[in-house]
Protein backbone atom coordinates (compact mmCIF):
# COMPACT_ATOMS: atom_id res chain seq x y z
CA MET A 1 101.64 120.99 24.73
CA ARG A 2 102.60 121.57 28.34
CA LEU A 3 99.83 120.96 30.88
CA MET A 4 100.11 122.06 34.50
CA ILE A 5 97.91 120.57 37.21
CA ALA A 6 97.38 122.73 40.29
CA GLY A 7 96.72 120.16 42.98
CA GLY A 8 99.14 117.75 41.36
CA GLY A 9 99.25 115.57 44.46
CA GLY A 10 95.51 114.95 44.18
CA PHE A 11 94.00 111.49 44.29
CA ARG A 12 92.54 111.64 40.76
CA VAL A 13 95.70 112.76 38.95
CA PRO A 14 96.56 109.18 37.87
CA LEU A 15 93.25 109.04 35.99
CA LEU A 16 94.38 112.00 33.89
CA TYR A 17 97.80 110.51 33.30
CA ARG A 18 96.24 107.19 32.32
CA ALA A 19 94.01 108.94 29.77
CA LEU A 20 96.98 110.86 28.37
CA SER A 21 98.98 107.65 27.97
CA ALA A 22 96.59 105.54 25.90
CA GLY A 23 93.53 105.96 23.75
CA PRO A 24 92.27 109.05 21.92
CA PHE A 25 94.17 111.53 24.10
CA ALA A 26 97.58 109.85 23.90
CA GLY A 27 100.19 112.25 22.56
CA LEU A 28 98.08 115.33 23.28
CA VAL A 29 100.42 116.49 26.09
CA GLY A 30 104.20 116.36 25.85
CA GLU A 31 104.95 117.44 29.41
CA LEU A 32 102.77 117.19 32.49
CA VAL A 33 103.78 119.50 35.35
CA LEU A 34 102.38 118.57 38.75
CA TYR A 35 102.23 121.50 41.16
CA ASP A 36 101.28 121.11 44.80
CA VAL A 37 102.12 122.75 48.10
CA ASP A 38 102.55 119.28 49.66
CA ALA A 39 105.80 117.64 48.51
CA GLY A 40 104.86 114.35 50.17
CA ARG A 41 101.66 114.02 48.16
CA LEU A 42 103.57 114.88 44.99
CA ALA A 43 106.06 112.07 45.69
CA ALA A 44 103.22 109.61 46.27
CA VAL A 45 101.47 110.47 43.01
CA GLU A 46 104.76 110.40 41.11
CA ALA A 47 105.29 106.83 42.37
CA VAL A 48 101.83 105.84 41.15
CA LEU A 49 102.45 107.31 37.70
CA ALA A 50 105.80 105.51 37.43
CA SER A 51 104.05 102.17 37.99
CA VAL A 52 101.05 102.59 35.65
CA PRO A 53 100.87 99.33 33.67
CA PRO A 54 101.08 99.40 29.86
CA PRO A 55 97.72 99.51 28.05
CA PRO A 56 96.28 96.17 26.92
CA ASN A 57 95.87 94.90 23.37
CA GLY A 58 98.57 97.02 21.84
CA ALA A 59 96.74 100.30 22.38
CA ARG A 60 98.64 103.53 21.84
CA SER A 61 100.88 104.27 24.78
CA GLY A 62 103.62 106.57 25.90
CA GLY A 63 102.63 108.99 28.59
CA PRO A 64 103.85 112.57 28.84
CA ARG A 65 107.03 113.52 30.63
CA ILE A 66 106.42 114.25 34.31
CA ARG A 67 107.83 117.16 36.26
CA THR A 68 106.86 118.12 39.82
CA SER A 69 107.18 121.44 41.62
CA THR A 70 106.12 123.15 44.84
CA SER A 71 106.72 126.59 43.26
CA LEU A 72 103.78 128.09 41.39
CA ALA A 73 105.96 130.43 39.31
CA ASP A 74 108.19 127.52 38.30
CA ALA A 75 105.24 125.29 37.47
CA LEU A 76 103.56 127.95 35.31
CA ALA A 77 106.68 128.62 33.22
CA GLY A 78 105.93 127.67 29.62
CA THR A 79 102.52 126.23 30.47
CA ASP A 80 99.88 126.20 27.73
CA MET A 81 96.96 124.92 29.80
CA VAL A 82 96.21 124.68 33.51
CA PHE A 83 93.95 122.16 35.17
CA ALA A 84 93.02 123.12 38.74
CA ALA A 85 91.83 120.61 41.33
CA ILE A 86 92.83 121.95 44.74
CA ARG A 87 91.39 121.23 48.19
CA PRO A 88 92.49 123.77 50.82
CA GLY A 89 92.36 122.07 54.20
CA GLY A 90 92.61 118.65 52.60
CA THR A 91 90.26 115.81 53.42
CA ALA A 92 90.35 116.87 57.08
CA GLY A 93 88.67 120.10 55.99
CA ARG A 94 86.04 118.13 54.14
CA THR A 95 85.13 116.25 57.30
CA VAL A 96 84.53 119.59 59.03
CA ASP A 97 82.40 120.86 56.15
CA GLU A 98 80.14 117.85 56.55
CA ARG A 99 80.15 117.47 60.35
CA VAL A 100 79.37 121.07 61.33
CA ALA A 101 76.24 120.98 59.17
CA GLN A 102 75.20 117.46 60.16
CA ASP A 103 75.58 118.20 63.88
CA LEU A 104 73.05 121.02 63.44
CA GLY A 105 70.55 118.65 61.84
CA LEU A 106 71.31 119.83 58.30
CA LEU A 107 72.50 118.00 55.22
CA GLY A 108 76.17 117.13 55.67
CA GLN A 109 77.44 117.00 52.09
CA GLU A 110 80.66 118.19 50.48
CA THR A 111 79.38 120.49 47.71
CA THR A 112 75.66 120.90 48.38
CA GLY A 113 74.18 123.16 51.03
CA ALA A 114 76.13 124.40 54.04
CA GLY A 115 79.15 122.17 53.43
CA GLY A 116 79.51 123.46 49.88
CA ILE A 117 79.41 127.06 51.08
CA SER A 118 82.13 126.36 53.65
CA TYR A 119 84.23 124.60 51.01
CA ALA A 120 83.88 127.58 48.66
CA LEU A 121 84.68 130.17 51.32
CA ARG A 122 88.16 128.76 51.89
CA THR A 123 88.76 127.67 48.26
CA ILE A 124 87.96 130.78 46.23
CA PRO A 125 90.78 132.98 47.68
CA PRO A 126 93.63 130.60 46.69
CA MET A 127 91.97 129.99 43.32
CA LEU A 128 91.95 133.75 42.75
CA GLU A 129 95.66 133.78 43.59
CA LEU A 130 96.23 131.12 40.93
CA ALA A 131 94.22 133.09 38.36
CA ARG A 132 96.16 136.30 39.07
CA ALA A 133 99.45 134.42 38.81
CA MET A 134 98.34 133.14 35.41
CA GLN A 135 97.53 136.69 34.34
CA ARG A 136 101.01 137.84 35.32
CA LEU A 137 103.08 134.88 34.16
CA ARG A 138 101.08 133.08 31.43
CA PRO A 139 98.36 135.45 30.18
CA GLU A 140 97.78 133.31 27.09
CA ALA A 141 97.10 130.10 29.05
CA SER A 142 93.60 128.79 29.73
CA LEU A 143 92.28 127.30 32.96
CA VAL A 144 90.07 124.22 33.13
CA ASN A 145 88.61 124.20 36.62
CA PHE A 146 87.88 120.92 38.43
CA THR A 147 87.96 122.58 41.85
CA ASN A 148 84.68 122.24 43.72
CA PRO A 149 82.19 123.72 44.14
CA ALA A 150 82.89 124.10 40.42
CA GLY A 151 80.16 126.61 39.57
CA MET A 152 80.95 129.00 42.41
CA VAL A 153 84.70 128.80 41.88
CA THR A 154 84.37 129.37 38.13
CA GLU A 155 82.07 132.36 38.71
CA ALA A 156 84.70 133.91 41.00
CA LEU A 157 87.43 133.45 38.37
CA VAL A 158 85.60 134.86 35.33
CA PRO A 159 86.28 138.52 36.29
CA VAL A 160 90.01 137.71 36.29
CA LEU A 161 90.35 135.32 33.34
CA GLY A 162 87.23 136.00 31.29
CA ARG A 163 86.53 133.35 28.66
CA ARG A 164 89.89 131.69 29.39
CA VAL A 165 88.34 129.78 32.30
CA VAL A 166 85.77 127.00 32.06
CA GLY A 167 84.45 124.73 34.80
CA ILE A 168 83.92 121.03 34.35
CA CYS A 169 81.98 118.30 36.10
CA ASP A 170 81.25 114.85 34.75
CA SER A 171 77.84 114.34 36.36
CA ALA A 172 75.77 116.40 33.89
CA GLY A 173 77.34 115.05 30.71
CA GLY A 174 77.33 111.57 32.21
CA LEU A 175 73.58 111.85 32.83
CA VAL A 176 72.97 112.81 29.19
CA HIS A 177 74.96 109.86 27.86
CA ARG A 178 73.54 107.32 30.34
CA ALA A 179 69.98 108.41 29.59
CA ALA A 180 70.64 108.21 25.86
CA ARG A 181 71.91 104.64 26.18
CA ALA A 182 68.88 103.68 28.28
CA ALA A 183 66.59 105.17 25.61
CA GLY A 184 68.36 103.20 22.89
CA VAL A 185 69.98 106.21 21.20
CA PRO A 186 73.59 106.23 22.45
CA LEU A 187 75.59 109.37 21.68
CA PRO A 188 79.14 109.48 20.32
CA GLU A 189 81.80 110.86 22.65
CA GLY A 190 81.99 114.63 22.35
CA ARG A 191 78.46 114.95 20.93
CA LEU A 192 75.13 115.90 22.52
CA ASP A 193 72.98 115.91 19.34
CA GLY A 194 70.26 118.25 20.49
CA ALA A 195 70.01 117.03 24.07
CA GLY A 196 68.49 119.71 26.29
CA TYR A 197 70.03 120.36 29.70
CA TYR A 198 69.93 123.42 31.93
CA GLY A 199 71.12 124.17 35.43
CA LEU A 200 73.91 125.20 37.74
CA ASN A 201 76.70 122.89 38.84
CA HIS A 202 75.16 119.97 40.80
CA LEU A 203 71.71 121.44 40.17
CA GLY A 204 70.42 120.66 36.69
CA TRP A 205 67.87 118.77 34.61
CA LEU A 206 67.89 116.82 31.33
CA TYR A 207 64.66 117.97 29.69
CA ARG A 208 65.03 116.82 26.06
CA LEU A 209 66.66 113.84 24.34
CA GLU A 210 66.40 113.77 20.57
CA ALA A 211 66.61 110.96 18.05
CA ALA A 212 65.94 111.76 14.37
CA GLY A 213 64.14 114.93 15.39
CA THR A 214 61.91 113.21 17.95
CA ASP A 215 62.11 113.76 21.70
CA VAL A 216 62.48 110.27 23.20
CA LEU A 217 62.72 111.46 26.81
CA PRO A 218 58.96 111.14 27.57
CA GLY A 219 59.11 107.50 26.56
CA LEU A 220 62.11 106.89 28.79
CA LEU A 221 60.41 108.59 31.74
CA ALA A 222 57.39 106.31 31.28
CA ASP A 223 59.51 103.13 31.20
CA ALA A 224 60.29 101.99 34.75
CA GLY A 225 62.43 99.13 33.46
CA ALA A 226 64.63 101.42 31.35
CA LEU A 227 64.97 103.90 34.22
CA ALA A 228 66.14 101.11 36.50
CA GLY A 229 69.07 100.52 34.15
CA PHE A 230 71.08 103.57 35.20
CA GLU A 231 71.83 105.37 38.45
CA GLU A 232 69.93 108.63 37.96
CA GLY A 233 66.86 106.71 36.86
CA ARG A 234 66.92 104.70 40.10
CA LEU A 235 67.28 107.67 42.41
CA PHE A 236 63.69 108.86 42.10
CA PRO A 237 60.32 107.06 41.81
CA GLN A 238 59.20 106.65 38.21
CA PRO A 239 55.83 108.41 38.76
CA PHE A 240 57.68 111.42 40.17
CA LEU A 241 59.94 111.61 37.11
CA ALA A 242 56.99 111.29 34.75
CA ARG A 243 55.22 114.19 36.48
CA LEU A 244 58.41 116.25 36.52
CA GLY A 245 58.90 115.66 32.80
CA CYS A 246 62.68 115.60 33.02
CA LEU A 247 65.62 113.76 34.59
CA PRO A 248 67.32 115.56 37.50
CA ASN A 249 71.05 115.56 38.04
CA GLU A 250 71.94 113.09 40.79
CA TYR A 251 72.71 115.90 43.26
CA LEU A 252 69.09 117.00 43.17
CA TYR A 253 68.43 113.96 45.34
CA TYR A 254 69.56 116.20 48.20
CA TYR A 255 66.79 118.69 47.37
CA TYR A 256 63.96 116.35 46.40
CA GLU A 257 64.71 113.69 49.04
CA THR A 258 66.31 115.80 51.76
CA ALA A 259 64.81 113.94 54.71
CA ARG A 260 65.87 110.53 53.35
CA ALA A 261 69.38 111.77 52.60
CA LYS A 262 69.83 113.26 56.08
CA ALA A 263 68.48 110.14 57.77
CA ALA A 264 70.85 107.90 55.81
CA MET A 265 73.81 110.13 56.64
CA ARG A 266 72.95 110.18 60.35
CA ALA A 267 72.65 106.39 60.37
CA ALA A 268 76.11 105.93 58.83
CA ALA A 269 79.02 105.18 61.15
CA GLN A 270 81.05 107.97 59.54
CA THR A 271 80.59 110.69 56.99
CA ARG A 272 81.80 110.29 53.44
CA GLY A 273 84.58 112.77 54.18
CA GLU A 274 85.69 110.89 57.28
CA SER A 275 85.88 107.67 55.27
CA ILE A 276 87.99 109.29 52.54
CA HIS A 277 90.20 111.08 55.07
CA ARG A 278 90.98 107.81 56.84
CA GLN A 279 91.64 106.05 53.54
CA GLN A 280 94.02 108.72 52.25
CA ALA A 281 95.82 109.15 55.59
CA GLU A 282 96.71 105.46 55.41
CA LEU A 283 97.32 105.29 51.66
CA TYR A 284 99.57 108.23 50.78
CA PRO A 285 102.50 107.33 53.09
CA ARG A 286 102.53 103.83 51.57
CA LEU A 287 102.51 104.95 47.94
CA ALA A 288 105.84 106.78 47.84
CA SER A 289 107.74 103.66 48.91
CA ALA A 290 105.56 101.04 47.20
CA GLY A 291 107.62 100.84 44.01
CA GLY A 292 105.93 98.77 41.32
CA GLU A 293 102.94 98.15 43.60
CA ALA A 294 102.00 101.83 43.91
CA TYR A 295 99.52 101.84 41.03
CA ARG A 296 97.81 98.67 42.24
CA LEU A 297 97.40 100.12 45.75
CA TRP A 298 96.06 103.38 44.37
CA ASP A 299 93.63 101.68 41.99
CA ALA A 300 92.20 99.46 44.74
CA ALA A 301 91.64 102.57 46.87
CA ARG A 302 90.08 104.38 43.92
CA ARG A 303 87.60 101.60 43.32
CA SER A 304 86.69 101.46 47.01
CA ARG A 305 86.14 105.21 46.95
CA GLU A 306 83.90 104.98 43.88
CA GLU A 307 81.81 102.27 45.55
CA GLY A 308 80.93 104.67 48.38
CA TYR A 309 79.89 107.58 46.14
CA LEU A 310 76.30 108.75 46.91
CA ALA A 311 75.83 105.67 49.09
CA GLU A 312 73.12 107.46 51.06
CA ALA A 313 70.91 107.45 47.95
CA ARG A 314 71.10 103.71 47.28
CA ALA A 315 69.09 100.89 48.74
CA ALA A 316 70.79 98.34 50.99
CA GLY A 317 72.92 96.04 48.87
CA GLU A 318 72.58 98.14 45.71
CA GLN A 319 75.87 98.44 43.84
CA ARG A 320 77.07 101.15 41.47
CA ASP A 321 77.22 100.45 37.75
CA GLU A 322 80.46 98.87 36.57
CA ASP A 323 81.08 101.70 34.10
CA ASP A 324 81.08 104.19 36.97
CA LEU A 325 83.39 102.05 39.08
CA ALA A 326 85.87 101.88 36.20
CA GLY A 327 86.44 105.63 36.43
CA GLY A 328 87.04 107.92 33.50
CA GLY A 329 84.51 110.74 33.82
CA TYR A 330 86.26 113.95 34.81
CA GLU A 331 89.37 113.35 32.77
CA ARG A 332 87.45 112.56 29.56
CA VAL A 333 85.49 115.82 29.84
CA ALA A 334 88.58 117.87 30.72
CA LEU A 335 90.77 116.43 27.99
CA ALA A 336 88.02 116.69 25.38
CA ALA A 337 87.65 120.37 26.29
CA MET A 338 91.42 120.90 26.21
CA ARG A 339 91.80 119.20 22.82
CA ALA A 340 88.99 121.27 21.33
CA LEU A 341 90.33 124.53 22.76
CA ALA A 342 93.77 123.68 21.34
CA GLY A 343 92.33 123.31 17.84
CA GLY A 344 92.03 119.51 17.77
CA GLY A 345 88.45 119.51 16.53
CA ASP A 346 85.17 120.85 17.87
CA ALA A 347 83.22 119.11 20.63
CA GLU A 348 79.87 119.43 22.40
CA LEU A 349 80.15 119.18 26.18
CA VAL A 350 78.14 120.21 29.23
CA LEU A 351 80.33 122.84 30.93
CA ASN A 352 80.23 125.63 33.49
CA THR A 353 80.50 128.94 31.66
CA PRO A 354 78.86 132.38 31.58
CA ASN A 355 75.25 132.31 30.37
CA ALA A 356 75.88 134.71 27.48
CA VAL A 357 75.32 133.58 23.88
CA PRO A 358 77.15 136.01 21.56
CA ALA A 359 74.94 137.91 19.12
CA ARG A 360 76.15 139.67 15.99
CA GLY A 361 75.87 143.39 16.33
CA GLY A 362 73.91 143.31 19.57
CA ALA A 363 73.86 142.39 23.21
CA PRO A 364 74.32 138.71 24.07
CA THR A 365 71.27 136.62 24.88
CA ALA A 366 70.86 134.15 27.73
CA ALA A 367 71.52 130.47 27.03
CA ILE A 368 69.17 129.72 29.93
CA PRO A 369 66.34 132.25 29.72
CA GLY A 370 65.47 133.76 33.07
CA LEU A 371 69.02 133.81 34.43
CA PRO A 372 71.48 136.73 34.08
CA VAL A 373 73.76 136.58 31.06
CA ASP A 374 76.83 137.01 33.27
CA ALA A 375 75.91 134.18 35.65
CA VAL A 376 77.96 130.99 35.36
CA VAL A 377 75.61 128.15 34.44
CA GLU A 378 76.00 124.47 33.54
CA VAL A 379 74.80 124.02 30.00
CA PRO A 380 75.63 122.24 26.71
CA CYS A 381 78.38 124.13 24.87
CA ARG A 382 80.18 124.08 21.56
CA VAL A 383 83.91 124.05 22.19
CA GLY A 384 86.57 124.87 19.65
CA ALA A 385 89.72 126.87 19.03
CA GLY A 386 87.65 130.03 19.35
CA GLY A 387 86.54 129.17 22.88
CA VAL A 388 83.43 127.93 24.66
CA VAL A 389 80.00 129.03 23.41
CA PRO A 390 76.86 127.97 25.32
CA ILE A 391 74.01 126.51 23.27
CA PRO A 392 70.60 128.19 23.79
CA GLN A 393 68.16 126.14 25.86
CA ASP A 394 64.43 126.27 26.56
CA ARG A 395 63.16 128.41 29.42
CA PRO A 396 63.04 126.21 32.55
CA ALA A 397 59.78 125.46 34.31
CA GLU A 398 59.02 128.03 37.00
CA ALA A 399 59.81 125.72 39.93
CA GLN A 400 63.19 124.84 38.46
CA LEU A 401 63.97 128.43 37.53
CA ALA A 402 63.07 129.64 41.02
CA LEU A 403 65.43 127.09 42.59
CA MET A 404 68.24 128.04 40.21
CA ARG A 405 67.75 131.75 40.91
CA ARG A 406 67.87 131.23 44.65
CA VAL A 407 70.98 129.05 44.56
CA LYS A 408 72.64 131.47 42.14
CA GLU A 409 71.92 134.28 44.63
CA VAL A 410 73.69 132.19 47.27
CA GLU A 411 76.65 131.55 44.97
CA ARG A 412 77.06 135.25 44.26
CA LEU A 413 76.92 136.09 47.97
CA VAL A 414 79.74 133.59 48.52
CA VAL A 415 81.79 135.15 45.71
CA ARG A 416 81.32 138.60 47.30
CA ALA A 417 82.25 137.22 50.71
CA THR A 418 85.55 135.94 49.32
CA GLY A 419 86.35 139.05 47.27
CA PRO A 420 89.64 140.94 47.09
CA GLN A 421 91.37 142.30 50.16
CA SER A 422 90.24 145.78 51.16
CA ALA A 423 92.52 148.76 51.82
CA SER A 424 92.08 148.22 55.57
CA GLY A 425 93.53 144.73 55.32
CA GLY A 426 90.28 142.78 55.54
CA GLY A 427 88.84 140.77 52.74
CA GLY A 428 85.34 140.20 51.44
CA ARG A 429 82.35 140.74 53.68
CA ARG A 430 81.40 138.44 56.53
CA GLU A 431 77.77 139.56 56.30
CA ASP A 432 77.63 138.17 52.76
CA ALA A 433 78.80 134.77 54.00
CA LEU A 434 76.16 134.86 56.72
CA ALA A 435 73.48 135.79 54.18
CA ALA A 436 74.62 132.96 51.88
CA PHE A 437 74.08 130.36 54.59
CA ALA A 438 70.71 131.84 55.55
CA ARG A 439 69.41 132.05 51.96
CA HIS A 440 70.38 128.55 50.91
CA PRO A 441 67.20 126.45 50.58
CA LEU A 442 68.79 123.59 52.55
CA VAL A 443 69.43 125.95 55.50
CA ASP A 444 66.76 128.67 55.22
CA SER A 445 67.34 130.07 58.71
CA GLU A 446 69.22 133.09 60.01
CA GLU A 447 69.70 131.39 63.39
CA LEU A 448 71.21 128.26 61.83
CA ALA A 449 73.28 130.42 59.49
CA ALA A 450 74.88 132.18 62.46
CA ARG A 451 75.66 128.87 64.16
CA LEU A 452 77.06 127.40 60.96
CA LEU A 453 79.37 130.33 60.31
CA ALA A 454 80.56 130.36 63.92
CA GLY A 455 81.27 126.62 63.70
CA TYR A 456 83.24 126.95 60.49
CA GLU A 457 85.19 129.97 61.75
CA ALA A 458 86.16 128.00 64.88
CA ALA A 459 87.38 125.12 62.72
CA PHE A 460 89.05 127.33 60.08
CA PRO A 461 90.60 130.37 61.83
CA ASP A 462 91.78 131.73 58.48
CA LEU A 463 88.16 132.57 57.66
CA ALA A 464 87.84 135.09 60.49
CA ALA A 465 91.32 136.40 59.72
CA PHE A 466 90.36 136.89 56.07
CA TRP A 467 87.43 139.11 57.03
CA GLY A 468 89.55 141.00 59.53
CA THR A 469 87.30 140.05 62.46
CA PRO A 470 88.70 139.20 65.92
């Protein structure tokens, strides 16, 4: 199989290569094509991959052949599967996403709230270009989307690629498996065994956890000691979780504890994006010429980056779990999905996919009742050679459903704002972008929405140019 990565100079690419070189995914891919518009980043990542150490204890090894390209048409030639993880504007753009919002007293976060909308506004157009290129050049290839905000980006691509696109994120599936271990019923890789989860990307809840036909989640939610054993269980007070009756995805911290999150971010010397931008600006020039040390340099930077993840939600001195610091989330989900889609055996994974459950001889039903069947949701799915099929879930509680509906409205406004170019040369609709900012529950203000959009347009002139405004 030939796998192409769009965003092949990305920081996490070595994690994918490492997973393809040893363990259950070794031998799955014969050739790995790294495509990126930045030749310097490609050279740096290529140096890291060349210095990946052999696996310990005689594990299976032998990574795929590597080819790099700055030409999309060349990279797509002969490709069976595409992974996409692009970041238009780079880490410098991320710092703007966070700072413009934070300077207005709002949450300054990469994918949630105003920053996530800004990120999507400049990311969806090039992702649509990639999807259309796939339609022209490799119409049989599938796309596994890592690009954030994953739900919004995947929703924008479905009209082009249909069921050949699926979005992935490791936080939802990771929550299910961590909660299962804490409850004493660990799940095998690639299995969910009746676990109930519903939501949108970075906005979901684990509401059922089964063992031998019994829901063990209420017992876990009542056990403060067990909750303290994993990150999501520590994010919220135990009485709150017991009343809620479910475990929120970690990103719901920004909704349930907004004031605390904003205060922690304001108190920090730099935003998360600024920290990563500084790290990568120093790291990438060193990697290309580091020879055999390139992997060690990259891995030290990766671990440092993991240590700072969601730091605003942790108490002073609290460290992340060692399993999380070891890495291995995104690539396991992506490669499990790819293997299943390629006919290597069925899997159960939490994925971003349209909400429609096929029905014989009738209209599809909603996997998450209360949301449109064509809306992209994050939900447990059965994955196999026939594609991705969402598993029906219970109807969410009204408060959760209302939040999902409102955020989905925002996501669809963003997709409309980044739509195809019009006959007059403009693209999308600026008023939809403005409405998206105003409707988001973490903004909820037309005045702030106008200031946000003006700030992002000043920082990213291509936005105004896209809409054809002066």
